[in-house]
Amino acid sequence: MASITIRNLDEGLKRRLRVRAAEHGRSMEEEVRDILRQAVGVTAPRNLGQTIHARFATVGGVDLEVPTRGPMREPPSFS
């Protein structure tokens, strides 16, 4: 993987970047990677759950009828 060094970064910009990274729960370095991915149009790989959600998000939700529960059965006796 390649490395990059950014010199003469404005202190205010660095502070905002640190805050943004903290809001997203990641390091400043990972935040910069994500910003660069978005800027050049490369999406980060998603996990299986995100992939499934993205595929079916346009379909919308489904309301299912929840059946009523009956009384619980007596536990078995082993005596």
N, C-alpha and C. Protein backbone atom coordinates (compact mmCIF):
# COMPACT_ATOMS: atom_id res chain seq x y z
N MET A 1 0.84 -1.18 0.00
CA MET A 1 0.00 0.00 0.00
C MET A 1 0.88 1.23 0.00
N ALA A 2 0.37 2.26 -0.60
CA ALA A 2 1.10 3.52 -0.69
C ALA A 2 0.88 4.36 0.56
N SER A 3 1.83 5.24 0.82
CA SER A 3 1.72 6.18 1.92
C SER A 3 1.76 7.59 1.36
N ILE A 4 1.18 8.51 2.12
CA ILE A 4 1.17 9.91 1.69
C ILE A 4 1.41 10.79 2.91
N THR A 5 2.14 11.86 2.71
CA THR A 5 2.39 12.83 3.77
C THR A 5 1.81 14.16 3.32
N ILE A 6 1.06 14.80 4.18
CA ILE A 6 0.47 16.10 3.85
C ILE A 6 1.12 17.14 4.74
N ARG A 7 1.82 18.05 4.13
CA ARG A 7 2.52 19.10 4.87
C ARG A 7 1.68 20.39 4.89
N ASN A 8 1.99 21.25 5.83
CA ASN A 8 1.38 22.58 5.94
C ASN A 8 -0.15 22.51 6.03
N LEU A 9 -0.65 21.55 6.78
CA LEU A 9 -2.08 21.41 6.98
C LEU A 9 -2.53 22.45 8.00
N ASP A 10 -3.55 23.22 7.64
CA ASP A 10 -4.08 24.25 8.52
C ASP A 10 -4.54 23.61 9.83
N GLU A 11 -4.19 24.24 10.96
CA GLU A 11 -4.52 23.69 12.27
C GLU A 11 -6.03 23.56 12.48
N GLY A 12 -6.80 24.52 11.96
CA GLY A 12 -8.25 24.44 12.08
C GLY A 12 -8.83 23.27 11.30
N LEU A 13 -8.27 23.02 10.11
CA LEU A 13 -8.71 21.88 9.31
C LEU A 13 -8.37 20.57 10.00
N LYS A 14 -7.19 20.51 10.59
CA LYS A 14 -6.79 19.30 11.33
C LYS A 14 -7.72 19.05 12.51
N ARG A 15 -8.10 20.11 13.21
CA ARG A 15 -9.01 19.97 14.35
C ARG A 15 -10.37 19.46 13.90
N ARG A 16 -10.90 20.04 12.80
CA ARG A 16 -12.20 19.59 12.29
C ARG A 16 -12.14 18.14 11.82
N LEU A 17 -11.02 17.75 11.24
CA LEU A 17 -10.84 16.37 10.80
C LEU A 17 -10.83 15.43 12.00
N ARG A 18 -10.15 15.85 13.08
CA ARG A 18 -10.11 15.03 14.29
C ARG A 18 -11.51 14.86 14.89
N VAL A 19 -12.29 15.94 14.90
CA VAL A 19 -13.66 15.88 15.43
C VAL A 19 -14.52 14.98 14.55
N ARG A 20 -14.39 15.14 13.24
CA ARG A 20 -15.18 14.32 12.32
C ARG A 20 -14.85 12.84 12.48
N ALA A 21 -13.58 12.53 12.64
CA ALA A 21 -13.16 11.14 12.84
C ALA A 21 -13.75 10.59 14.14
N ALA A 22 -13.72 11.39 15.19
CA ALA A 22 -14.28 10.95 16.47
C ALA A 22 -15.78 10.72 16.36
N GLU A 23 -16.48 11.57 15.61
CA GLU A 23 -17.92 11.39 15.43
C GLU A 23 -18.24 10.07 14.72
N HIS A 24 -17.35 9.65 13.83
CA HIS A 24 -17.55 8.40 13.11
C HIS A 24 -16.89 7.21 13.80
N GLY A 25 -16.25 7.44 14.93
CA GLY A 25 -15.65 6.36 15.70
C GLY A 25 -14.46 5.71 15.04
N ARG A 26 -13.64 6.51 14.37
CA ARG A 26 -12.44 5.96 13.73
C ARG A 26 -11.28 6.93 13.86
N SER A 27 -10.12 6.47 13.47
CA SER A 27 -8.92 7.30 13.56
C SER A 27 -8.95 8.39 12.48
N MET A 28 -8.11 9.41 12.67
CA MET A 28 -8.01 10.45 11.66
C MET A 28 -7.53 9.86 10.34
N GLU A 29 -6.60 8.93 10.42
CA GLU A 29 -6.06 8.32 9.20
C GLU A 29 -7.16 7.59 8.42
N GLU A 30 -8.00 6.82 9.13
CA GLU A 30 -9.08 6.11 8.46
C GLU A 30 -10.12 7.09 7.92
N GLU A 31 -10.35 8.18 8.64
CA GLU A 31 -11.29 9.20 8.18
C GLU A 31 -10.80 9.82 6.87
N VAL A 32 -9.51 10.11 6.79
CA VAL A 32 -8.94 10.67 5.56
C VAL A 32 -9.07 9.67 4.42
N ARG A 33 -8.81 8.37 4.70
CA ARG A 33 -8.98 7.35 3.66
C ARG A 33 -10.40 7.35 3.12
N ASP A 34 -11.38 7.43 4.03
CA ASP A 34 -12.78 7.41 3.61
C ASP A 34 -13.11 8.65 2.78
N ILE A 35 -12.63 9.81 3.19
CA ILE A 35 -12.86 11.04 2.43
C ILE A 35 -12.27 10.92 1.03
N LEU A 36 -11.06 10.38 0.93
CA LEU A 36 -10.43 10.21 -0.37
C LEU A 36 -11.19 9.20 -1.23
N ARG A 37 -11.66 8.10 -0.63
CA ARG A 37 -12.45 7.12 -1.39
C ARG A 37 -13.69 7.78 -1.98
N GLN A 38 -14.37 8.58 -1.15
CA GLN A 38 -15.58 9.25 -1.62
C GLN A 38 -15.26 10.26 -2.71
N ALA A 39 -14.14 10.95 -2.57
CA ALA A 39 -13.78 12.00 -3.52
C ALA A 39 -13.43 11.43 -4.89
N VAL A 40 -12.83 10.26 -4.93
CA VAL A 40 -12.44 9.69 -6.23
C VAL A 40 -13.40 8.60 -6.69
N GLY A 41 -14.48 8.38 -5.95
CA GLY A 41 -15.53 7.48 -6.39
C GLY A 41 -15.29 6.01 -6.13
N VAL A 42 -14.38 5.66 -5.26
CA VAL A 42 -14.15 4.26 -4.93
C VAL A 42 -14.82 4.00 -3.59
N THR A 43 -15.72 3.04 -3.57
CA THR A 43 -16.41 2.74 -2.32
C THR A 43 -15.62 1.73 -1.51
N ALA A 44 -15.72 1.87 -0.23
CA ALA A 44 -15.05 0.92 0.66
C ALA A 44 -15.79 -0.41 0.61
N PRO A 45 -15.09 -1.51 0.75
CA PRO A 45 -15.77 -2.80 0.75
C PRO A 45 -16.74 -2.89 1.93
N ARG A 46 -17.91 -3.45 1.67
CA ARG A 46 -18.92 -3.56 2.72
C ARG A 46 -18.93 -4.98 3.27
N ASN A 47 -19.44 -5.09 4.47
CA ASN A 47 -19.59 -6.43 5.03
C ASN A 47 -20.89 -7.04 4.51
N LEU A 48 -21.13 -8.29 4.82
CA LEU A 48 -22.29 -9.01 4.30
C LEU A 48 -23.60 -8.34 4.70
N GLY A 49 -23.71 -7.91 5.95
CA GLY A 49 -24.93 -7.27 6.41
C GLY A 49 -25.24 -6.00 5.63
N GLN A 50 -24.23 -5.17 5.39
CA GLN A 50 -24.42 -3.94 4.63
C GLN A 50 -24.81 -4.24 3.18
N THR A 51 -24.23 -5.28 2.61
CA THR A 51 -24.54 -5.65 1.23
C THR A 51 -25.99 -6.12 1.11
N ILE A 52 -26.44 -6.95 2.03
CA ILE A 52 -27.83 -7.43 2.02
C ILE A 52 -28.79 -6.26 2.22
N HIS A 53 -28.47 -5.38 3.15
CA HIS A 53 -29.33 -4.22 3.41
C HIS A 53 -29.44 -3.35 2.16
N ALA A 54 -28.32 -3.08 1.50
CA ALA A 54 -28.33 -2.24 0.31
C ALA A 54 -29.17 -2.86 -0.81
N ARG A 55 -29.10 -4.17 -0.93
CA ARG A 55 -29.84 -4.86 -2.00
C ARG A 55 -31.35 -4.76 -1.79
N PHE A 56 -31.82 -4.88 -0.55
CA PHE A 56 -33.25 -4.92 -0.28
C PHE A 56 -33.82 -3.62 0.26
N ALA A 57 -33.01 -2.58 0.43
CA ALA A 57 -33.50 -1.31 0.99
C ALA A 57 -34.56 -0.67 0.10
N THR A 58 -34.45 -0.83 -1.22
CA THR A 58 -35.41 -0.20 -2.12
C THR A 58 -36.77 -0.88 -2.08
N VAL A 59 -36.80 -2.13 -1.66
CA VAL A 59 -38.06 -2.88 -1.60
C VAL A 59 -38.95 -2.34 -0.49
N GLY A 60 -38.35 -1.94 0.60
CA GLY A 60 -39.11 -1.43 1.73
C GLY A 60 -39.39 -2.53 2.73
N GLY A 61 -40.04 -2.18 3.79
CA GLY A 61 -40.33 -3.14 4.85
C GLY A 61 -41.61 -3.92 4.59
N VAL A 62 -41.82 -4.91 5.38
CA VAL A 62 -43.01 -5.74 5.30
C VAL A 62 -43.60 -5.83 6.70
N ASP A 63 -44.90 -5.59 6.81
CA ASP A 63 -45.57 -5.72 8.10
C ASP A 63 -46.12 -7.13 8.22
N LEU A 64 -45.67 -7.84 9.20
CA LEU A 64 -46.13 -9.19 9.44
C LEU A 64 -47.04 -9.20 10.67
N GLU A 65 -48.07 -10.02 10.60
CA GLU A 65 -48.96 -10.15 11.73
C GLU A 65 -48.30 -11.04 12.77
N VAL A 66 -48.23 -10.55 13.98
CA VAL A 66 -47.62 -11.32 15.06
C VAL A 66 -48.71 -12.17 15.71
N PRO A 67 -48.57 -13.48 15.69
CA PRO A 67 -49.61 -14.32 16.28
C PRO A 67 -49.64 -14.16 17.79
N THR A 68 -50.82 -14.32 18.35
CA THR A 68 -50.94 -14.24 19.80
C THR A 68 -50.35 -15.49 20.42
N ARG A 69 -49.80 -15.34 21.58
CA ARG A 69 -49.19 -16.48 22.27
C ARG A 69 -50.18 -17.09 23.24
N GLY A 70 -50.18 -18.38 23.26
CA GLY A 70 -51.03 -19.10 24.21
C GLY A 70 -50.28 -19.29 25.51
N PRO A 71 -50.95 -19.89 26.47
CA PRO A 71 -50.27 -20.14 27.75
C PRO A 71 -49.15 -21.15 27.56
N MET A 72 -48.15 -21.06 28.40
CA MET A 72 -47.02 -21.98 28.32
C MET A 72 -47.45 -23.37 28.78
N ARG A 73 -46.83 -24.37 28.19
CA ARG A 73 -47.11 -25.75 28.60
C ARG A 73 -46.40 -26.01 29.93
N GLU A 74 -46.90 -27.00 30.61
CA GLU A 74 -46.25 -27.42 31.85
C GLU A 74 -44.93 -28.07 31.49
N PRO A 75 -43.89 -27.83 32.27
CA PRO A 75 -42.61 -28.49 32.00
C PRO A 75 -42.72 -29.99 32.23
N PRO A 76 -41.93 -30.76 31.50
CA PRO A 76 -42.01 -32.22 31.68
C PRO A 76 -41.53 -32.64 33.07
N SER A 77 -42.11 -33.70 33.55
CA SER A 77 -41.70 -34.25 34.84
C SER A 77 -40.81 -35.46 34.58
N PHE A 78 -39.66 -35.51 35.20
CA PHE A 78 -38.72 -36.60 35.01
C PHE A 78 -38.70 -37.55 36.21
N SER A 79 -39.76 -37.50 36.99
CA SER A 79 -39.78 -38.36 38.16
C SER A 79 -40.51 -39.64 37.91
